[in-house]
Amino acid sequence: MKDCLFCSWKEEKEKIIIENEMAFARYDEFAVSKGHILIMTKRHVKDFFETTLEERQAIFELIDKAKASIDKKYHPTGYNIGMNCGLSAGQSVMHVHVHLIPRYDGDVENPRGGIRGVIPQKQNY
């Protein structure tokens, strides 16, 4: 797609850290933490629910490889893996992408609830 940021990213080969036939990964330019990586499909699709089974497998293969790379370089003590699907879920680039966010002891005061923090008043239960 001509106006899609992530479609143009696949042409920036020097920034791609890992890839396979259907997906690629690079460091997030607005990283939440050291080592934050985005994994996205090479084919333009809006969100996870529009991917093929093969694309999902390709994404998960890169998640494993990206985690191994982050572990070796940054030594995090945890991870958040997340996708935003649709505007109301916070998706800002309408091209499927997965956030692999390394977490570190003490990076927030109370990490309990993790991904539930997308709705702050629901994080602690």
N, C-alpha and C. Protein backbone atom coordinates (compact mmCIF):
# COMPACT_ATOMS: atom_id res chain seq x y z
N MET A 1 0.84 -1.18 0.00
CA MET A 1 0.00 0.00 0.00
C MET A 1 0.89 1.25 0.00
N LYS A 2 0.59 2.16 -0.84
CA LYS A 2 1.43 3.33 -1.10
C LYS A 2 1.67 4.22 0.11
N ASP A 3 0.66 4.50 0.90
CA ASP A 3 0.78 5.44 2.02
C ASP A 3 0.99 4.78 3.37
N CYS A 4 1.29 3.50 3.39
CA CYS A 4 1.46 2.79 4.66
C CYS A 4 2.92 2.88 5.13
N LEU A 5 3.10 3.39 6.35
CA LEU A 5 4.44 3.52 6.93
C LEU A 5 5.16 2.18 6.96
N PHE A 6 4.50 1.14 7.44
CA PHE A 6 5.17 -0.15 7.59
C PHE A 6 5.45 -0.82 6.25
N CYS A 7 4.62 -0.56 5.24
CA CYS A 7 4.93 -1.07 3.90
C CYS A 7 6.21 -0.43 3.37
N SER A 8 6.41 0.85 3.67
CA SER A 8 7.65 1.51 3.24
C SER A 8 8.84 1.02 4.05
N TRP A 9 8.62 0.62 5.30
CA TRP A 9 9.71 0.13 6.15
C TRP A 9 10.36 -1.12 5.59
N LYS A 10 9.58 -1.96 4.90
CA LYS A 10 10.19 -3.20 4.40
C LYS A 10 11.25 -2.93 3.35
N GLU A 11 11.26 -1.71 2.81
CA GLU A 11 12.29 -1.31 1.84
C GLU A 11 13.55 -0.78 2.53
N GLU A 12 13.46 -0.48 3.82
CA GLU A 12 14.61 0.03 4.58
C GLU A 12 15.39 -1.15 5.15
N LYS A 13 16.04 -1.87 4.27
CA LYS A 13 16.71 -3.14 4.61
C LYS A 13 17.72 -2.99 5.75
N GLU A 14 18.38 -1.85 5.83
CA GLU A 14 19.42 -1.67 6.85
C GLU A 14 18.83 -1.62 8.27
N LYS A 15 17.54 -1.37 8.41
CA LYS A 15 16.91 -1.30 9.73
C LYS A 15 16.21 -2.60 10.13
N ILE A 16 16.08 -3.52 9.19
CA ILE A 16 15.45 -4.80 9.49
C ILE A 16 16.45 -5.66 10.25
N ILE A 17 16.03 -6.14 11.42
CA ILE A 17 16.96 -6.94 12.24
C ILE A 17 16.78 -8.44 12.03
N ILE A 18 15.57 -8.87 11.71
CA ILE A 18 15.32 -10.27 11.35
C ILE A 18 14.13 -10.30 10.39
N GLU A 19 14.10 -11.32 9.57
CA GLU A 19 12.98 -11.47 8.65
C GLU A 19 12.87 -12.91 8.20
N ASN A 20 11.73 -13.22 7.65
CA ASN A 20 11.51 -14.48 6.96
C ASN A 20 10.70 -14.15 5.71
N GLU A 21 10.16 -15.15 5.06
CA GLU A 21 9.48 -14.93 3.79
C GLU A 21 8.27 -14.00 3.92
N MET A 22 7.58 -14.02 5.06
CA MET A 22 6.32 -13.30 5.17
C MET A 22 6.29 -12.17 6.18
N ALA A 23 7.33 -12.03 6.99
CA ALA A 23 7.32 -11.02 8.04
C ALA A 23 8.73 -10.48 8.27
N PHE A 24 8.78 -9.35 8.96
CA PHE A 24 10.08 -8.76 9.30
C PHE A 24 9.95 -8.03 10.63
N ALA A 25 11.11 -7.73 11.21
CA ALA A 25 11.14 -7.07 12.51
C ALA A 25 12.20 -5.99 12.52
N ARG A 26 11.92 -4.96 13.29
CA ARG A 26 12.89 -3.88 13.51
C ARG A 26 12.60 -3.23 14.84
N TYR A 27 13.57 -2.49 15.35
CA TYR A 27 13.38 -1.82 16.63
C TYR A 27 12.32 -0.74 16.48
N ASP A 28 11.48 -0.61 17.50
CA ASP A 28 10.45 0.41 17.52
C ASP A 28 11.11 1.78 17.64
N GLU A 29 10.71 2.72 16.80
CA GLU A 29 11.29 4.06 16.83
C GLU A 29 10.81 4.88 18.02
N PHE A 30 9.75 4.42 18.68
CA PHE A 30 9.23 5.07 19.89
C PHE A 30 9.20 4.03 21.01
N ALA A 31 10.35 3.44 21.27
CA ALA A 31 10.46 2.30 22.18
C ALA A 31 9.93 2.61 23.58
N VAL A 32 9.21 1.64 24.11
CA VAL A 32 8.72 1.70 25.49
C VAL A 32 9.84 1.34 26.46
N SER A 33 10.73 0.45 26.01
CA SER A 33 11.86 0.02 26.84
C SER A 33 13.02 -0.38 25.93
N LYS A 34 14.20 -0.58 26.53
CA LYS A 34 15.36 -1.01 25.75
C LYS A 34 15.06 -2.34 25.06
N GLY A 35 15.23 -2.37 23.74
CA GLY A 35 15.04 -3.61 23.00
C GLY A 35 13.65 -3.80 22.42
N HIS A 36 12.75 -2.85 22.59
CA HIS A 36 11.37 -2.95 22.07
C HIS A 36 11.42 -3.16 20.56
N ILE A 37 10.81 -4.26 20.11
CA ILE A 37 10.83 -4.64 18.70
C ILE A 37 9.40 -4.73 18.17
N LEU A 38 9.23 -4.33 16.91
CA LEU A 38 7.97 -4.51 16.19
C LEU A 38 8.16 -5.61 15.16
N ILE A 39 7.17 -6.50 15.07
CA ILE A 39 7.17 -7.56 14.07
C ILE A 39 5.94 -7.32 13.21
N MET A 40 6.11 -7.28 11.90
CA MET A 40 4.98 -7.02 11.01
C MET A 40 5.06 -7.88 9.76
N THR A 41 3.91 -8.02 9.11
CA THR A 41 3.86 -8.80 7.88
C THR A 41 4.43 -7.97 6.73
N LYS A 42 4.94 -8.67 5.73
CA LYS A 42 5.39 -8.00 4.52
C LYS A 42 4.19 -7.60 3.65
N ARG A 43 3.17 -8.41 3.67
CA ARG A 43 1.95 -8.10 2.93
C ARG A 43 1.14 -7.09 3.75
N HIS A 44 0.55 -6.13 3.08
CA HIS A 44 -0.26 -5.14 3.80
C HIS A 44 -1.60 -5.76 4.19
N VAL A 45 -1.80 -5.89 5.48
CA VAL A 45 -3.10 -6.27 6.04
C VAL A 45 -3.34 -5.41 7.26
N LYS A 46 -4.59 -5.08 7.51
CA LYS A 46 -4.95 -4.14 8.56
C LYS A 46 -4.58 -4.63 9.95
N ASP A 47 -5.00 -5.83 10.30
CA ASP A 47 -4.74 -6.30 11.66
C ASP A 47 -4.61 -7.82 11.70
N PHE A 48 -4.36 -8.33 12.87
CA PHE A 48 -4.12 -9.76 13.08
C PHE A 48 -5.23 -10.62 12.51
N PHE A 49 -6.45 -10.15 12.59
CA PHE A 49 -7.59 -10.95 12.15
C PHE A 49 -7.68 -11.09 10.64
N GLU A 50 -6.88 -10.33 9.90
CA GLU A 50 -6.84 -10.43 8.44
C GLU A 50 -5.64 -11.24 7.94
N THR A 51 -4.80 -11.71 8.84
CA THR A 51 -3.62 -12.48 8.43
C THR A 51 -4.00 -13.92 8.10
N THR A 52 -3.17 -14.53 7.28
CA THR A 52 -3.34 -15.95 6.98
C THR A 52 -2.66 -16.77 8.08
N LEU A 53 -2.95 -18.04 8.11
CA LEU A 53 -2.30 -18.93 9.07
C LEU A 53 -0.78 -18.91 8.86
N GLU A 54 -0.35 -18.87 7.62
CA GLU A 54 1.08 -18.85 7.32
C GLU A 54 1.73 -17.56 7.82
N GLU A 55 1.03 -16.43 7.67
CA GLU A 55 1.57 -15.17 8.18
C GLU A 55 1.64 -15.18 9.71
N ARG A 56 0.65 -15.76 10.35
CA ARG A 56 0.68 -15.86 11.82
C ARG A 56 1.87 -16.70 12.26
N GLN A 57 2.10 -17.80 11.58
CA GLN A 57 3.24 -18.65 11.92
C GLN A 57 4.56 -17.89 11.71
N ALA A 58 4.63 -17.12 10.64
CA ALA A 58 5.83 -16.33 10.36
C ALA A 58 6.07 -15.29 11.45
N ILE A 59 5.00 -14.64 11.90
CA ILE A 59 5.10 -13.66 12.98
C ILE A 59 5.62 -14.32 14.25
N PHE A 60 5.02 -15.45 14.62
CA PHE A 60 5.43 -16.12 15.86
C PHE A 60 6.85 -16.66 15.78
N GLU A 61 7.29 -17.07 14.60
CA GLU A 61 8.69 -17.48 14.43
C GLU A 61 9.62 -16.30 14.73
N LEU A 62 9.27 -15.12 14.24
CA LEU A 62 10.11 -13.95 14.49
C LEU A 62 10.04 -13.47 15.93
N ILE A 63 8.90 -13.66 16.58
CA ILE A 63 8.82 -13.32 18.01
C ILE A 63 9.86 -14.13 18.78
N ASP A 64 9.94 -15.43 18.49
CA ASP A 64 10.92 -16.28 19.18
C ASP A 64 12.35 -15.83 18.89
N LYS A 65 12.64 -15.52 17.65
CA LYS A 65 13.99 -15.09 17.29
C LYS A 65 14.31 -13.73 17.89
N ALA A 66 13.34 -12.82 17.88
CA ALA A 66 13.56 -11.49 18.47
C ALA A 66 13.79 -11.61 19.97
N LYS A 67 13.04 -12.46 20.64
CA LYS A 67 13.22 -12.65 22.08
C LYS A 67 14.62 -13.15 22.39
N ALA A 68 15.09 -14.10 21.61
CA ALA A 68 16.45 -14.63 21.83
C ALA A 68 17.49 -13.51 21.66
N SER A 69 17.29 -12.67 20.69
CA SER A 69 18.22 -11.55 20.45
C SER A 69 18.18 -10.54 21.60
N ILE A 70 16.98 -10.21 22.05
CA ILE A 70 16.83 -9.26 23.16
C ILE A 70 17.42 -9.85 24.44
N ASP A 71 17.14 -11.12 24.69
CA ASP A 71 17.68 -11.77 25.89
C ASP A 71 19.20 -11.66 25.92
N LYS A 72 19.83 -11.92 24.79
CA LYS A 72 21.28 -11.91 24.71
C LYS A 72 21.86 -10.50 24.90
N LYS A 73 21.18 -9.50 24.32
CA LYS A 73 21.71 -8.15 24.33
C LYS A 73 21.32 -7.34 25.57
N TYR A 74 20.09 -7.51 26.07
CA TYR A 74 19.58 -6.63 27.13
C TYR A 74 19.25 -7.32 28.45
N HIS A 75 19.07 -8.62 28.46
CA HIS A 75 18.80 -9.40 29.67
C HIS A 75 17.56 -8.92 30.44
N PRO A 76 16.41 -8.81 29.78
CA PRO A 76 15.21 -8.40 30.51
C PRO A 76 14.75 -9.50 31.46
N THR A 77 13.88 -9.13 32.38
CA THR A 77 13.36 -10.10 33.34
C THR A 77 11.91 -10.48 33.04
N GLY A 78 11.34 -9.93 31.98
CA GLY A 78 9.98 -10.25 31.57
C GLY A 78 9.68 -9.65 30.21
N TYR A 79 8.49 -9.92 29.71
CA TYR A 79 8.05 -9.41 28.41
C TYR A 79 6.56 -9.12 28.41
N ASN A 80 6.18 -8.14 27.61
CA ASN A 80 4.79 -7.97 27.18
C ASN A 80 4.79 -8.17 25.68
N ILE A 81 3.81 -8.92 25.20
CA ILE A 81 3.60 -9.10 23.77
C ILE A 81 2.20 -8.58 23.48
N GLY A 82 2.11 -7.64 22.55
CA GLY A 82 0.79 -7.06 22.33
C GLY A 82 0.53 -6.62 20.91
N MET A 83 -0.77 -6.60 20.58
CA MET A 83 -1.25 -6.11 19.30
C MET A 83 -2.44 -5.21 19.56
N ASN A 84 -2.52 -4.14 18.81
CA ASN A 84 -3.69 -3.28 18.84
C ASN A 84 -4.44 -3.51 17.53
N CYS A 85 -5.70 -3.89 17.63
CA CYS A 85 -6.49 -4.20 16.44
C CYS A 85 -7.68 -3.24 16.38
N GLY A 86 -7.56 -2.22 15.55
CA GLY A 86 -8.62 -1.23 15.38
C GLY A 86 -8.33 0.05 16.15
N LEU A 87 -8.94 1.14 15.68
CA LEU A 87 -8.72 2.45 16.28
C LEU A 87 -9.09 2.48 17.76
N SER A 88 -10.22 1.86 18.13
CA SER A 88 -10.65 1.92 19.53
C SER A 88 -9.73 1.13 20.45
N ALA A 89 -8.92 0.25 19.88
CA ALA A 89 -7.93 -0.50 20.66
C ALA A 89 -6.58 0.19 20.67
N GLY A 90 -6.49 1.35 20.02
CA GLY A 90 -5.25 2.11 20.03
C GLY A 90 -4.35 1.91 18.83
N GLN A 91 -4.81 1.18 17.82
CA GLN A 91 -3.98 0.96 16.64
C GLN A 91 -3.79 2.29 15.91
N SER A 92 -2.54 2.68 15.71
CA SER A 92 -2.25 3.96 15.06
C SER A 92 -1.71 3.79 13.65
N VAL A 93 -1.15 2.64 13.32
CA VAL A 93 -0.73 2.32 11.96
C VAL A 93 -1.56 1.13 11.53
N MET A 94 -2.34 1.30 10.48
CA MET A 94 -3.28 0.25 10.06
C MET A 94 -2.59 -0.81 9.21
N HIS A 95 -1.58 -1.41 9.80
CA HIS A 95 -0.84 -2.53 9.22
C HIS A 95 -0.51 -3.43 10.41
N VAL A 96 -0.88 -4.67 10.33
CA VAL A 96 -0.68 -5.57 11.47
C VAL A 96 0.75 -5.50 11.97
N HIS A 97 0.89 -5.38 13.30
CA HIS A 97 2.21 -5.41 13.91
C HIS A 97 2.09 -5.86 15.36
N VAL A 98 3.13 -6.53 15.81
CA VAL A 98 3.18 -7.07 17.16
C VAL A 98 4.29 -6.34 17.90
N HIS A 99 3.98 -5.88 19.10
CA HIS A 99 4.98 -5.26 19.96
C HIS A 99 5.57 -6.33 20.86
N LEU A 100 6.87 -6.49 20.82
CA LEU A 100 7.59 -7.35 21.76
C LEU A 100 8.35 -6.39 22.67
N ILE A 101 7.83 -6.23 23.88
CA ILE A 101 8.34 -5.22 24.80
C ILE A 101 9.06 -5.89 25.97
N PRO A 102 10.37 -5.76 26.02
CA PRO A 102 11.11 -6.30 27.17
C PRO A 102 10.76 -5.52 28.43
N ARG A 103 10.71 -6.22 29.54
CA ARG A 103 10.42 -5.59 30.83
C ARG A 103 11.57 -5.87 31.78
N TYR A 104 11.76 -4.95 32.70
CA TYR A 104 12.89 -5.02 33.61
C TYR A 104 12.40 -4.81 35.03
N ASP A 105 12.99 -5.54 35.97
CA ASP A 105 12.65 -5.35 37.38
C ASP A 105 12.73 -3.87 37.73
N GLY A 106 11.66 -3.35 38.32
CA GLY A 106 11.64 -1.97 38.76
C GLY A 106 11.31 -0.94 37.69
N ASP A 107 10.97 -1.36 36.46
CA ASP A 107 10.67 -0.37 35.42
C ASP A 107 9.36 0.36 35.66
N VAL A 108 8.47 -0.22 36.44
CA VAL A 108 7.27 0.46 36.94
C VAL A 108 7.11 0.08 38.40
N GLU A 109 6.41 0.90 39.13
CA GLU A 109 6.25 0.65 40.56
C GLU A 109 5.56 -0.68 40.84
N ASN A 110 4.45 -0.96 40.13
CA ASN A 110 3.70 -2.19 40.36
C ASN A 110 3.27 -2.76 39.01
N PRO A 111 3.96 -3.77 38.51
CA PRO A 111 3.63 -4.31 37.19
C PRO A 111 2.41 -5.23 37.17
N ARG A 112 1.84 -5.54 38.34
CA ARG A 112 0.73 -6.48 38.39
C ARG A 112 -0.40 -6.04 37.47
N GLY A 113 -0.91 -6.97 36.70
CA GLY A 113 -1.98 -6.68 35.76
C GLY A 113 -1.46 -6.47 34.34
N GLY A 114 -0.17 -6.17 34.21
CA GLY A 114 0.49 -6.06 32.90
C GLY A 114 -0.34 -5.43 31.81
N ILE A 115 -0.67 -6.22 30.82
CA ILE A 115 -1.36 -5.75 29.62
C ILE A 115 -2.75 -5.18 29.94
N ARG A 116 -3.30 -5.56 31.08
CA ARG A 116 -4.60 -5.00 31.49
C ARG A 116 -4.51 -3.49 31.68
N GLY A 117 -3.29 -2.96 31.77
CA GLY A 117 -3.09 -1.54 31.96
C GLY A 117 -3.54 -0.69 30.79
N VAL A 118 -3.95 -1.30 29.67
CA VAL A 118 -4.47 -0.51 28.56
C VAL A 118 -5.73 0.24 28.99
N ILE A 119 -6.40 -0.28 30.02
CA ILE A 119 -7.51 0.43 30.67
C ILE A 119 -7.08 0.56 32.13
N PRO A 120 -6.44 1.69 32.46
CA PRO A 120 -5.76 1.83 33.75
C PRO A 120 -6.58 1.42 34.97
N GLN A 121 -7.85 1.78 35.02
CA GLN A 121 -8.66 1.45 36.20
C GLN A 121 -8.98 -0.04 36.29
N LYS A 122 -8.65 -0.82 35.26
CA LYS A 122 -8.87 -2.28 35.28
C LYS A 122 -7.59 -3.05 35.53
N GLN A 123 -6.45 -2.35 35.64
CA GLN A 123 -5.17 -3.05 35.75
C GLN A 123 -5.05 -3.82 37.06
N ASN A 124 -5.41 -3.20 38.16
CA ASN A 124 -5.30 -3.87 39.45
C ASN A 124 -6.61 -4.55 39.80
N TYR A 125 -6.52 -5.81 40.09
CA TYR A 125 -7.74 -6.58 40.40
C TYR A 125 -7.50 -7.47 41.60
